[in-house]
Protein backbone atom coordinates (compact mmCIF):
# COMPACT_ATOMS: atom_id res chain seq x y z
CA MET A 1 18.70 56.73 0.17
CA GLU A 2 20.03 59.82 1.92
CA THR A 3 22.57 60.22 4.55
CA SER A 4 25.07 62.60 5.48
CA ILE A 5 28.92 62.12 4.20
CA VAL A 6 30.74 62.57 8.20
CA LYS A 7 34.41 63.26 8.36
CA ILE A 8 36.38 60.46 9.98
CA LYS A 9 37.52 61.57 13.55
CA LYS A 10 40.46 59.54 15.16
CA ASN A 11 38.74 56.43 15.82
CA GLY A 12 36.95 55.98 13.12
CA ALA A 13 34.04 56.05 15.25
CA PRO A 14 31.72 58.45 13.03
CA ILE A 15 32.39 56.98 9.33
CA PHE A 16 31.35 53.17 11.32
CA LEU A 17 28.02 54.66 12.73
CA GLN A 18 27.08 55.64 9.09
CA GLN A 19 28.20 52.19 7.59
CA MET A 20 26.14 50.36 10.38
CA LEU A 21 23.22 52.40 9.01
CA ILE A 22 23.91 51.92 5.84
CA ILE A 23 23.70 47.84 6.25
CA LEU A 24 21.41 48.60 8.27
CA LEU A 25 19.27 50.02 5.65
CA LEU A 26 20.10 47.47 2.95
CA THR A 27 19.13 44.80 5.67
CA PHE A 28 15.60 46.30 5.65
CA ASN A 29 15.42 46.84 2.04
CA GLN A 30 15.81 43.17 1.41
CA LEU A 31 13.49 41.59 4.21
CA ALA A 32 11.06 44.38 2.60
CA HIS A 33 11.19 42.19 -0.93
CA GLY A 34 11.36 39.16 1.10
CA ALA A 35 14.54 38.56 0.17
CA ILE A 36 16.34 37.00 3.24
CA PRO A 37 15.45 33.68 4.07
CA GLY A 38 13.97 33.22 7.41
CA SER A 39 15.64 30.08 9.54
CA ASN A 40 12.27 28.23 8.18
CA SER A 41 12.81 28.93 4.37
CA THR A 42 15.33 27.60 1.93
CA PRO A 43 17.41 30.25 0.24
CA PHE A 44 17.51 30.25 -3.95
CA GLN A 45 20.56 31.52 -4.32
CA THR A 46 23.29 28.33 -2.78
CA VAL A 47 26.94 27.75 -2.58
CA LYS A 48 27.35 24.14 -4.38
CA ILE A 49 29.79 21.83 -2.25
CA VAL A 50 32.12 19.42 -4.74
CA TYR A 51 34.36 16.96 -3.13
CA PHE A 52 37.24 15.71 -5.08
CA TYR A 53 39.34 12.73 -4.57
CA PRO A 54 42.36 11.00 -6.91
CA ALA A 55 42.01 7.87 -8.52
CA ASP A 56 44.00 5.75 -5.77
CA SER A 57 41.94 6.74 -2.57
CA LYS A 58 38.35 6.08 -0.88
CA LEU A 59 36.27 7.91 1.05
CA SER A 60 36.31 7.27 4.81
CA SER A 61 32.94 6.16 6.91
CA THR A 62 33.17 9.26 8.97
CA TRP A 63 33.65 12.16 6.33
CA LYS A 64 30.03 13.49 5.48
CA ASN A 65 29.54 13.78 9.22
CA ARG A 66 33.00 15.63 10.02
CA LEU A 67 32.75 17.99 6.78
CA ALA A 68 28.89 19.08 7.98
CA ARG A 69 30.55 20.32 11.11
CA VAL A 70 33.32 22.18 9.12
CA LEU A 71 30.77 23.45 6.88
CA LYS A 72 28.39 24.36 9.46
CA ASP A 73 30.66 25.78 11.40
CA ILE A 74 31.77 28.14 8.82
CA SER A 75 28.50 29.37 7.77
CA SER A 76 27.92 30.22 11.64
CA TYR A 77 31.28 32.20 11.58
CA TYR A 78 30.26 33.74 8.66
CA LYS A 79 26.43 34.90 10.16
CA ASN A 80 27.88 35.86 13.57
CA GLU A 81 30.59 38.06 11.95
CA LEU A 82 27.67 39.67 9.46
CA LYS A 83 25.33 40.32 12.44
CA SER A 84 27.98 42.14 14.77
CA PHE A 85 27.88 44.93 12.18
CA GLY A 86 24.07 44.96 12.05
CA PHE A 87 23.67 42.57 9.31
CA ASN A 88 20.86 39.77 9.14
CA SER A 89 22.44 36.56 7.79
CA ASP A 90 21.51 32.80 7.95
CA GLY A 91 25.44 32.42 7.06
CA ILE A 92 26.42 30.40 3.86
CA PRO A 93 23.95 29.52 2.20
CA PHE A 94 25.38 25.85 1.27
CA GLU A 95 23.41 23.26 -0.87
CA THR A 96 21.51 21.27 0.83
CA ASP A 97 19.09 18.24 -0.22
CA ASN A 98 16.84 15.79 2.25
CA THR A 99 19.47 14.28 4.37
CA GLY A 100 21.45 17.31 4.77
CA PHE A 101 24.28 19.24 2.49
CA ARG A 102 24.39 18.52 -0.91
CA TYR A 103 28.03 16.71 -1.99
CA HIS A 104 28.88 16.50 -5.65
CA LEU A 105 31.51 14.09 -5.77
CA VAL A 106 33.85 13.61 -8.05
CA GLN A 107 36.60 10.85 -8.52
CA GLY A 108 40.03 11.93 -10.52
CA SER A 109 41.44 10.52 -13.04
CA LYS A 110 44.98 10.36 -11.77
CA PRO A 111 46.08 8.97 -8.70
CA SER A 112 46.97 11.28 -5.84
CA ASN A 113 50.66 11.92 -6.26
CA ASP A 114 50.08 13.25 -9.70
CA TYR A 115 48.43 15.96 -8.21
CA THR A 116 50.25 19.03 -6.71
CA ILE A 117 49.48 22.44 -5.86
CA ASN A 118 50.05 23.64 -9.63
CA SER A 119 47.03 21.25 -10.37
CA GLY A 120 43.86 24.00 -10.16
CA SER A 121 42.74 24.21 -13.92
CA GLU A 122 43.47 20.70 -14.54
CA ILE A 123 41.23 19.35 -11.60
CA GLU A 124 38.82 22.28 -12.72
CA LYS A 125 38.38 20.74 -15.88
CA GLU A 126 37.42 17.24 -14.47
CA ILE A 127 35.18 18.07 -12.59
CA PHE A 128 33.07 20.51 -14.50
CA GLU A 129 33.67 17.89 -17.41
CA LYS A 130 31.79 15.22 -15.22
CA LEU A 131 29.37 18.09 -13.65
CA ALA A 132 28.12 19.68 -16.63
CA SER A 133 24.12 18.98 -15.82
CA VAL A 134 24.67 20.20 -12.73
CA ILE A 135 27.14 22.44 -12.04
CA ASN A 136 27.67 25.62 -14.51
CA PRO A 137 30.53 27.49 -13.66
CA ASN A 138 30.16 30.77 -15.06
CA THR A 139 26.63 31.45 -12.86
CA GLU A 140 27.24 29.14 -9.77
CA HIS A 141 29.50 29.88 -6.80
CA VAL A 142 31.21 26.57 -5.92
CA LEU A 143 33.50 25.18 -3.21
CA VAL A 144 35.91 22.63 -4.34
CA ILE A 145 37.51 20.67 -1.17
CA THR A 146 39.83 17.78 -2.16
CA SER A 147 40.98 14.85 -0.09
CA LEU A 148 44.93 15.84 -1.57
CA SER A 149 46.70 15.20 1.79
CA HIS A 150 48.33 11.99 3.32
CA LYS A 151 50.09 11.00 6.03
CA ASN A 152 54.01 9.60 5.85
CA GLU A 153 55.97 7.51 7.04
CA ASN A 154 56.92 9.80 9.52
CA GLY A 155 53.55 10.66 10.98
CA THR A 156 54.00 14.30 8.75
CA TYR A 157 50.39 15.09 6.67
CA ILE A 158 51.67 16.37 3.59
CA PHE A 159 49.30 18.67 1.92
CA HIS A 160 49.49 18.79 -1.92
CA SER A 161 46.31 20.69 -2.67
CA PRO A 162 45.70 23.72 -4.95
CA TYR A 163 44.13 26.40 -2.12
CA TYR A 164 42.61 29.23 -3.89
CA GLY A 165 39.74 31.69 -4.43
CA ARG A 166 38.64 33.69 -7.16
CA GLY A 167 34.70 35.16 -7.25
CA SER A 168 32.31 37.62 -7.72
CA ALA A 169 28.44 38.40 -7.08
CA SER A 170 27.60 36.17 -10.29
CA SER A 171 30.09 32.78 -10.12
CA GLY A 172 32.72 31.85 -8.11
CA LEU A 173 34.96 29.19 -7.59
CA CYS A 174 37.06 28.10 -4.15
CA MET A 175 39.29 24.71 -3.66
CA VAL A 176 40.79 23.84 -0.29
CA ALA A 177 41.82 20.79 1.34
CA ASP A 178 40.64 17.94 3.69
CA CYS A 179 42.34 15.89 6.66
CA GLU A 180 41.09 13.95 8.35
CA LEU A 181 41.74 15.76 11.37
CA LEU A 182 40.13 18.70 10.05
CA ASP A 183 37.15 19.30 12.73
CA PRO A 184 35.77 22.20 14.88
CA ALA A 185 35.28 19.58 17.18
CA LEU A 186 39.06 19.53 17.40
CA LEU A 187 39.80 23.11 18.07
CA THR A 188 39.47 22.80 21.77
CA ASP A 189 42.42 19.97 21.53
CA ALA A 190 45.14 22.11 23.21
CA THR A 191 47.11 18.80 24.07
CA ASN A 192 47.76 16.75 21.02
CA LYS A 193 50.41 17.49 18.90
CA MET A 194 50.35 17.22 14.44
CA THR A 195 53.60 17.87 12.41
CA PHE A 196 52.32 19.07 8.97
CA THR A 197 53.90 20.07 5.50
CA GLU A 198 52.14 22.30 2.85
CA MET A 199 52.97 25.20 0.45
CA PHE A 200 53.70 27.73 3.32
CA ALA A 201 55.24 25.25 5.84
CA THR A 202 57.56 22.52 6.19
CA ASN A 203 57.01 20.44 9.12
CA LYS A 204 55.02 22.84 11.01
CA GLU A 205 54.66 21.53 14.92
CA CYS A 206 51.41 22.45 16.22
CA THR A 207 48.77 21.15 18.49
CA VAL A 208 45.52 19.46 16.52
CA GLY A 209 43.41 22.99 17.67
CA GLU A 210 46.15 24.85 15.73
CA PHE A 211 45.98 23.36 13.05
CA ASN A 212 42.08 23.44 12.88
CA SER A 213 42.70 27.38 13.30
CA TRP A 214 44.83 26.97 10.10
CA TYR A 215 42.61 24.98 7.70
CA LEU A 216 39.10 25.88 8.67
CA GLY A 217 40.30 29.84 8.38
CA GLY A 218 41.84 29.09 5.64
CA ILE A 219 38.06 27.62 4.52
CA ALA A 220 36.60 31.22 5.56
CA HIS A 221 39.33 33.08 3.82
CA GLU A 222 39.05 31.89 0.61
CA MET A 223 35.35 31.53 0.52
CA GLY A 224 35.74 35.50 1.02
CA HIS A 225 37.65 35.25 -2.21
CA LEU A 226 34.58 33.27 -3.76
CA PHE A 227 32.18 35.86 -2.59
CA GLY A 228 34.63 38.78 -3.83
CA LEU A 229 36.49 39.90 -1.07
CA PRO A 230 40.10 41.12 -1.89
CA HIS A 231 42.85 41.14 0.81
CA ASP A 232 42.17 43.78 3.40
CA ASN A 233 44.26 44.52 6.37
CA GLY A 234 41.55 46.77 7.46
CA PHE A 235 41.21 50.08 8.69
CA PRO A 236 44.15 51.62 10.56
CA ASN A 237 44.11 50.52 14.37
CA GLU A 238 40.33 48.81 13.46
CA PHE A 239 41.55 45.74 15.39
CA ASN A 240 42.84 45.36 18.74
CA PRO A 241 46.18 42.78 19.59
CA LYS A 242 43.59 39.86 20.39
CA THR A 243 42.63 40.37 16.26
CA ILE A 244 43.34 40.10 13.22
CA SER A 245 41.71 40.68 9.61
CA LEU A 246 40.64 37.54 7.89
CA MET A 247 41.29 38.87 4.74
CA GLY A 248 45.03 39.89 5.89
CA GLU A 249 48.25 38.62 6.45
CA HIS A 250 47.86 35.55 8.48
CA GLY A 251 44.20 35.88 8.81
CA SER A 252 43.58 32.59 8.37
CA ARG A 253 45.97 30.99 10.61
CA HIS A 254 43.96 32.59 13.55
CA TYR A 255 40.75 31.48 12.98
CA LYS A 256 38.52 30.79 16.38
CA GLU A 257 42.31 30.41 18.29
CA GLU A 258 40.65 31.61 21.31
CA LYS A 259 39.07 27.92 21.47
CA TRP A 260 42.97 26.40 22.20
CA GLY A 261 44.55 29.30 23.72
CA GLY A 262 45.87 30.89 21.16
CA LEU A 263 46.73 35.27 21.44
CA GLN A 264 44.54 36.65 18.11
CA SER A 265 41.45 35.47 16.36
CA SER A 266 40.41 36.55 12.91
CA LYS A 267 37.18 38.87 12.04
CA PHE A 268 35.77 40.51 9.02
CA SER A 269 36.83 44.33 8.77
CA ARG A 270 34.66 46.51 8.66
CA ALA A 271 35.28 47.25 4.72
CA SER A 272 34.80 42.88 4.01
CA VAL A 273 31.24 43.29 5.93
CA PHE A 274 30.28 46.38 4.00
CA GLN A 275 30.82 44.66 0.66
CA LEU A 276 28.96 41.17 1.96
CA SER A 277 26.23 42.72 3.00
CA SER A 278 24.81 43.01 -0.57
CA HIS A 279 25.65 40.14 -2.35
CA PRO A 280 23.36 37.90 -3.38
CA LEU A 281 24.12 34.52 -1.61
CA PHE A 282 23.73 36.59 1.92
CA THR A 283 20.28 39.00 0.74
CA GLN A 284 19.00 36.28 -1.99
CA ARG A 285 18.25 38.64 -4.56
CA PRO A 286 19.24 37.55 -8.03
CA LYS A 287 22.16 37.75 -9.50
CA PRO A 288 23.78 40.00 -12.25
CA LEU A 289 24.46 37.64 -14.22
CA LEU A 290 24.37 39.41 -17.50
CA SER A 291 23.08 43.28 -16.39
CA LYS A 292 26.86 45.29 -16.15
CA ASN A 293 26.00 48.34 -14.56
CA GLU A 294 27.45 51.49 -16.77
CA PHE A 295 30.25 52.98 -14.89
CA LEU A 296 33.22 55.58 -15.90
CA LEU A 297 35.29 57.41 -13.28
CA GLN A 298 35.89 60.96 -14.50
CA SER A 299 38.29 61.89 -11.70
CA PHE A 300 40.00 61.15 -8.77
CA LYS A 301 41.67 63.55 -7.05
CA LEU A 302 44.29 63.43 -3.49
CA SER A 303 44.51 66.68 -1.56
CA GLN A 304 45.60 67.50 2.27
CA VAL A 305 43.19 68.90 4.26
CA GLU A 306 44.56 69.10 8.00
CA ASN A 307 45.69 65.90 9.03
CA THR A 308 43.79 64.55 6.63
CA THR A 309 44.42 62.99 2.84
CA LYS A 310 40.95 63.21 1.10
CA LEU A 311 40.29 61.40 -1.75
CA SER A 312 37.87 62.70 -4.12
CA LEU A 313 36.20 60.79 -6.89
CA HIS A 314 33.86 62.01 -9.73
CA TYR A 315 32.09 59.43 -11.88
CA ARG A 316 29.50 58.71 -14.22
CA THR A 317 26.87 55.90 -13.53
CA ASP A 318 23.56 54.41 -14.62
CA LYS A 319 22.56 53.24 -10.93
CA VAL A 320 24.60 54.94 -7.89
CA PRO A 321 26.90 52.27 -5.84
CA TYR A 322 25.44 52.31 -1.64
CA GLY A 323 29.83 52.97 -1.36
CA VAL A 324 32.82 53.10 -1.59
CA VAL A 325 36.14 51.13 -0.53
CA ALA A 326 39.59 52.14 -0.74
CA SER A 327 42.05 49.92 -0.53
CA ILE A 328 45.80 51.33 0.18
CA ARG A 329 49.28 50.30 0.28
CA PRO A 330 52.91 51.52 -0.87
CA TYR A 331 53.18 49.32 -3.71
CA HIS A 332 56.43 47.45 -2.50
CA VAL A 333 54.23 45.94 0.53
CA SER A 334 52.28 42.79 0.05
CA GLU A 335 48.49 43.26 -0.84
CA TYR A 336 47.83 41.69 2.33
CA LEU A 337 49.10 44.59 4.41
CA SER A 338 46.42 47.05 2.14
CA ASN A 339 44.51 49.04 4.41
CA SER A 340 40.83 50.10 3.88
CA PHE A 341 39.53 52.46 4.34
CA THR A 342 35.27 53.23 3.44
CA SER A 343 32.60 55.73 2.55
CA VAL A 344 28.78 55.70 2.17
CA VAL A 345 27.61 57.30 -0.99
CA ASN A 346 25.14 60.13 -0.77
CA GLN A 347 24.84 61.30 -4.34
CA ARG A 348 24.37 60.17 -7.78
CA ASN A 349 28.14 61.23 -9.44
CA SER A 350 31.08 61.63 -6.46
CA ALA A 351 32.25 60.53 -3.23
CA GLU A 352 34.73 61.43 -0.54
CA ILE A 353 36.99 59.52 1.67
CA ASP A 354 38.84 60.30 4.30
CA ILE A 355 42.21 58.24 4.57
CA ALA A 356 45.70 58.38 5.94
CA SER A 357 48.28 60.14 4.90
CA LEU A 358 51.01 58.18 2.39
CA GLU A 359 54.94 58.09 2.57
CA THR A 360 56.14 60.51 0.74
CA ASN A 361 58.48 59.88 -2.73
CA ILE A 362 56.95 56.16 -2.28
CA PRO A 363 54.21 54.88 -4.98
CA HIS A 364 51.27 54.03 -3.36
CA GLU A 365 48.74 51.61 -5.32
CA ILE A 366 44.93 53.26 -4.68
CA ARG A 367 42.39 50.56 -5.57
CA MET A 368 39.10 51.92 -5.24
CA LEU A 369 35.73 49.08 -5.26
CA PHE A 370 32.55 50.44 -6.10
CA LEU A 371 29.78 48.72 -4.29
CA PHE A 372 26.62 48.66 -5.75
CA ASP A 373 23.09 46.92 -3.59
CA ASN A 374 22.74 44.39 -6.46
CA GLY A 375 26.33 42.91 -5.44
CA SER A 376 28.21 43.51 -8.19
CA VAL A 377 31.76 45.80 -7.61
CA LYS A 378 33.09 48.21 -10.34
CA GLU A 379 36.97 48.59 -9.29
CA TYR A 380 39.40 50.87 -10.58
CA ARG A 381 43.21 50.55 -9.91
CA LYS A 382 46.01 53.69 -9.97
CA MET A 383 49.29 53.93 -8.07
CA VAL A 384 49.82 57.89 -7.17
CA SER A 385 53.32 59.23 -4.99
CA GLN A 386 53.52 62.08 -3.25
CA SER A 387 56.02 64.09 -2.76
CA GLU A 388 57.94 65.75 0.24
CA GLU A 389 56.30 69.15 -0.49
CA GLY A 390 52.67 67.84 -0.32
CA HIS A 391 51.97 67.34 -4.50
CA PHE A 392 50.33 63.89 -5.38
CA LEU A 393 51.20 62.47 -8.94
CA THR A 394 49.58 59.51 -10.90
CA VAL A 395 51.79 57.26 -12.10
CA ASN A 396 51.02 57.05 -16.30
CA ASN A 397 49.86 53.52 -17.72
CA PHE A 398 48.96 52.00 -14.42
CA GLY A 399 46.09 50.37 -13.92
CA GLN A 400 42.22 51.18 -15.55
CA ALA A 401 42.11 54.56 -17.50
CA THR A 402 40.46 57.68 -15.63
CA VAL A 403 38.88 61.57 -18.23
CA ASN A 404 41.10 63.44 -16.05
CA ASP A 405 44.46 61.31 -16.55
CA LEU A 406 44.01 61.01 -19.92
CA ILE A 407 43.16 64.34 -20.70
CA ARG A 408 46.52 65.23 -18.86
CA VAL A 409 48.25 62.30 -20.55
CA ILE A 410 47.39 63.49 -24.43
CA GLU A 411 47.76 67.11 -23.84
CA ASN A 412 51.17 66.58 -23.20
CA ASP A 413 51.88 64.33 -25.94
CA SER A 414 53.15 66.20 -29.33
CA LEU A 415 53.53 63.46 -31.09
CA ASP A 416 49.60 62.13 -31.37
CA ASN A 417 47.96 63.14 -34.76
CA GLN A 418 44.74 61.91 -33.32
CA LYS A 419 45.09 64.50 -30.01
CA GLN A 420 42.08 67.22 -31.02
CA ALA A 421 40.02 64.33 -31.71
CA LYS A 422 40.80 62.06 -28.64
CA LEU A 423 40.39 65.50 -26.01
CA ASP A 424 36.95 66.14 -27.33
CA VAL A 425 35.83 62.97 -26.49
CA LEU A 426 37.22 63.14 -23.07
CA ASN A 427 35.99 66.83 -22.53
CA GLN A 428 32.25 65.36 -23.35
CA LEU A 429 32.90 62.66 -21.01
CA SER A 430 34.05 64.67 -18.30
CA LEU A 431 30.51 66.18 -18.34
CA ASP A 432 27.78 65.23 -15.66
CA CYS A 433 25.81 64.33 -18.64
CA GLU A 434 22.90 61.94 -17.99
CA PRO A 435 21.56 59.73 -21.19
CA ILE A 436 18.94 60.85 -22.78
CA ASP A 437 15.40 59.40 -22.15
CA LEU A 438 13.99 58.72 -26.22
CA LYS A 439 10.52 59.48 -24.81
CA THR A 440 11.24 63.18 -24.84
CA VAL A 441 12.66 63.73 -27.65
CA THR A 442 11.52 66.16 -29.84
CA THR A 443 13.99 66.74 -32.27
CA ASP A 444 14.16 65.34 -35.58
CA SER A 445 17.60 63.30 -35.22
CA ILE A 446 19.35 61.54 -31.99
CA CYS A 447 22.44 59.97 -31.54
CA LEU A 448 21.26 56.43 -30.18
CA SER A 449 24.60 56.12 -27.99
CA ASP A 450 23.40 59.27 -26.11
CA ALA A 451 20.21 57.96 -25.41
CA ALA A 452 19.14 55.51 -22.24
CA TRP A 453 18.93 52.03 -23.15
CA GLU A 454 16.34 49.36 -21.93
CA GLU A 455 19.10 46.69 -21.42
CA ALA A 456 22.73 46.13 -22.14
CA SER A 457 25.74 43.57 -21.47
CA VAL A 458 28.95 42.97 -22.90
CA GLY A 459 31.21 39.87 -23.08
CA TRP A 460 33.93 41.57 -21.36
CA GLU A 461 34.15 44.57 -18.76
CA ASN A 462 30.88 47.24 -18.58
CA PRO A 463 28.67 48.48 -21.18
CA ALA A 464 30.10 52.02 -22.08
CA ARG A 465 28.84 54.66 -24.24
CA ASN A 466 30.87 57.23 -26.79
CA TYR A 467 33.76 55.01 -25.44
CA TYR A 468 35.35 51.65 -25.91
CA THR A 469 36.54 50.47 -22.46
CA ALA A 470 38.32 51.94 -19.52
CA GLU A 471 40.43 48.73 -18.68
CA SER A 472 43.13 50.61 -19.91
CA ASN A 473 44.86 54.03 -21.62
CA LYS A 474 45.55 52.54 -24.48
CA LEU A 475 41.77 50.71 -25.24
CA PHE A 476 39.88 53.64 -24.25
CA PHE A 477 38.74 54.96 -27.55
CA LEU A 478 36.53 53.54 -29.92
CA GLU A 479 38.81 53.67 -32.84
CA ASN A 480 38.26 51.84 -36.67
CA MET A 481 41.30 52.03 -39.12
CA GLY A 482 42.66 55.06 -37.56
CA LYS A 483 39.70 57.19 -37.07
CA ILE A 484 38.68 57.90 -33.73
CA TYR A 485 34.81 57.83 -33.01
CA ASP A 486 33.11 60.27 -30.53
CA LYS A 487 29.97 58.75 -30.38
CA GLY A 488 29.32 54.91 -30.89
CA LEU A 489 28.95 51.53 -27.75
CA TYR A 490 31.50 49.24 -26.58
CA ALA A 491 29.89 45.85 -28.02
CA HIS A 492 32.92 43.31 -27.17
CA ALA A 493 30.96 40.37 -28.47
CA PRO A 494 28.58 38.47 -27.33
CA SER A 495 26.71 41.55 -26.32
CA ARG A 496 23.13 43.35 -26.67
CA TYR A 497 22.02 46.39 -26.48
CA THR A 498 18.22 47.30 -26.01
CA TYR A 499 16.17 50.61 -26.82
CA LYS A 500 12.09 51.41 -26.94
CA LEU A 501 11.49 53.15 -29.87
CA GLU A 502 7.35 53.00 -29.73
CA LYS A 503 7.34 53.36 -32.99
CA LYS A 504 8.47 56.71 -33.24
CA TRP A 505 11.47 56.69 -35.51
CA ARG A 506 11.94 56.33 -39.18
CA LYS A 507 15.30 55.73 -39.69
CA LEU A 508 18.62 53.49 -38.20
CA LYS A 509 22.04 54.28 -39.91
CA ILE A 510 25.18 52.95 -37.75
CA ILE A 511 28.33 51.81 -38.39
CA GLY A 512 29.36 48.16 -37.26
CA ALA A 513 33.61 47.67 -37.14
CA LEU A 514 35.87 46.20 -35.10
CA ARG A 515 38.18 48.02 -33.20
CA ASP A 516 42.08 48.25 -34.23
CA GLY A 517 44.06 46.04 -32.47
CA ALA A 518 41.12 43.36 -32.95
CA GLN A 519 42.69 39.48 -33.61
CA LYS A 520 39.77 37.89 -34.84
CA PRO A 521 40.51 36.80 -38.71
CA GLU A 522 37.29 34.79 -38.76
CA GLY A 523 35.01 38.35 -37.71
CA ILE A 524 32.09 38.80 -35.46
CA GLN A 525 28.11 38.78 -36.48
CA PHE A 526 26.83 41.88 -36.07
CA ILE A 527 22.63 41.93 -35.57
CA ILE A 528 20.08 44.39 -36.03
CA ARG A 529 16.69 43.02 -35.20
CA GLY A 530 13.31 44.57 -34.44
CA ASN A 531 10.55 43.36 -32.24
CA GLY A 532 12.52 39.64 -32.12
CA LYS A 533 12.95 39.94 -35.35
CA THR A 534 16.37 40.20 -37.90
CA LEU A 535 16.63 42.85 -39.91
CA SER A 536 19.87 43.21 -40.94
CA SER A 537 23.15 40.50 -40.34
CA HIS A 538 26.48 41.45 -41.56
CA TYR A 539 29.77 39.50 -40.46
CA ILE A 540 33.21 42.20 -39.85
CA LYS A 541 36.34 41.29 -40.08
CA PRO A 542 39.31 43.71 -38.70
CA ASN A 543 40.27 46.63 -40.60
CA GLU A 544 36.90 46.62 -41.96
CA LYS A 545 33.59 48.30 -41.37
CA HIS A 546 29.59 48.17 -42.88
CA LEU A 547 26.85 50.83 -42.74
CA PHE A 548 23.75 49.58 -41.79
CA THR A 549 20.27 51.35 -43.02
CA ILE A 550 17.71 50.08 -41.48
CA ASP A 551 14.25 50.91 -42.16
CA ILE A 552 12.63 51.16 -38.34
CA GLU A 553 8.94 52.72 -38.91
CA ASP A 554 7.15 49.81 -37.15
CA VAL A 555 9.77 49.19 -34.75
CA ASP A 556 8.74 49.14 -30.67
CA LYS A 557 12.05 47.36 -29.92
CA LEU A 558 15.16 47.90 -31.25
CA GLU A 559 17.98 45.83 -30.24
CA LEU A 560 21.90 46.15 -31.45
CA VAL A 561 23.68 42.48 -31.52
CA THR A 562 27.23 41.03 -31.50
CA LEU A 563 27.93 37.71 -31.81
CA ASP A 564 31.31 35.67 -31.80
CA GLU A 565 30.51 32.59 -33.48
CA THR A 566 33.94 30.47 -32.57
CA GLY A 567 32.95 29.37 -29.15
CA ASN A 568 35.30 32.33 -27.12
CA ASN A 569 35.10 35.80 -26.54
CA PHE A 570 38.95 36.35 -26.52
CA ASN A 571 39.62 39.47 -28.69
CA ALA A 572 35.79 40.10 -30.02
CA TRP A 573 36.12 43.83 -29.88
CA SER A 574 33.15 44.69 -31.71
CA ILE A 575 32.00 48.45 -31.90
CA TRP A 576 29.06 49.87 -32.93
CA CYS A 577 29.87 53.67 -34.31
CA THR A 578 27.86 56.73 -34.93
CA PRO A 579 24.29 55.25 -34.59
CA CYS A 580 21.67 57.73 -35.55
CA LEU A 581 18.00 57.73 -35.54
CA THR A 582 15.84 60.23 -37.44
CA ARG A 583 12.27 61.08 -37.63
């Protein structure tokens, strides 16, 4: 996919047109693969619908028809918003059966008043214990609608339901509140009044139409989080006085406000659609459940070019992102007010984004989202400030580790006795070296962590070669018993790396260990398999390591596996070090 990067003009039109082109190309790609369903086809990726009601309540006779109107309206909203940017979609693919929407009913174990806005974890536990046979929260996208509301003696509606959303391309959950007046058919009601109290409003008086803007918009907003969208106020001046970003501050309160005569109506920002355009629920391509992209941000640089601030990014990756979103806000300002800037990627290992100028001498959070065509997102956060002289400074130890920042930090640390070993690792990682294809190797030996794997999955963060994780500066290096290893694989359990050897190698020597700081007294199981059979297995505990020397002459497929048998992967900091293949 070759596209030229165009500098943003004052109205942002060229980058907008370019983004439209990339969305159209993504749509064409999905259609070419038969991924986007037609109006008569059944989607295989769906959002599951759970209706939760407390032990002391009963379902009304009309709830199902009313909620069907709600879900159809929210789905239609997504369809139209995506279509306005050129992306072909049938809307949100809710799960259905031969009667319409499929609802998974769960009655709580406690009366209504025993549930509060902070009962989310408790409700989730009840739901997934009762629905274990039909919904897996680790692989499904789930909308939970609760009936945790009531009308008090004064006629005021009281909402005490948890209200939140989280998610990614792989899975997600959002929890929202229901009410007898929640109905898109009532959005036009600008006459009848009501009063409601919730976590952000006390005794709010409004029309029934405005109430529906708030609560239908709340569902649309939290479902944005279900699909992985962050809070976003849009590109500067993207919205006119009659529109507002759905994912920005108060955007959820203005859903289809024109229906009852309101002044603003909520819309998706360009950045939101840019991200949604690759989500598996809208493309109907497989979810990235196990495999994750290898990705390392080598450097980010801010520079002043005429009247524009330019963000330049360099990275290593096994799969090239189609785009980048930069979300920026002064640190003391709500993330709801973050401005978003987008760029189409046209090179394998770099991207540039023109952003708005920063206020001087004020820390700004920059949130960088790298977007991949399977819907997955790799996120980095950094904190920067700009001096009055125009110099950009990075705040140390905030957000994920980047190679250039770590080099600067370690070079200035005179007390680090591992300084040179760390710099050697970082300098190597700063090079744009692609993994070696084992088929092309003519030497008698090779470090396996420099070679391309067939598949890779890890229990936390992303697969990584020759460093541990970019999650933070402190955890960046492969370290065991005080030694920094320059070659190895990040293998947070459960993990699996596979290689195609084609029976061309004789020996494998590799060290299994737990990274320093691991609090896993029971240890991690390290397994080496050849052609599906276990060649060696060993339990390794913190402050230990084990050298495996394995005969692999007859091995076509090699697997390196780590397992945590405690039932959770907390602190399962396993690593493979100095993996060497010899002829």
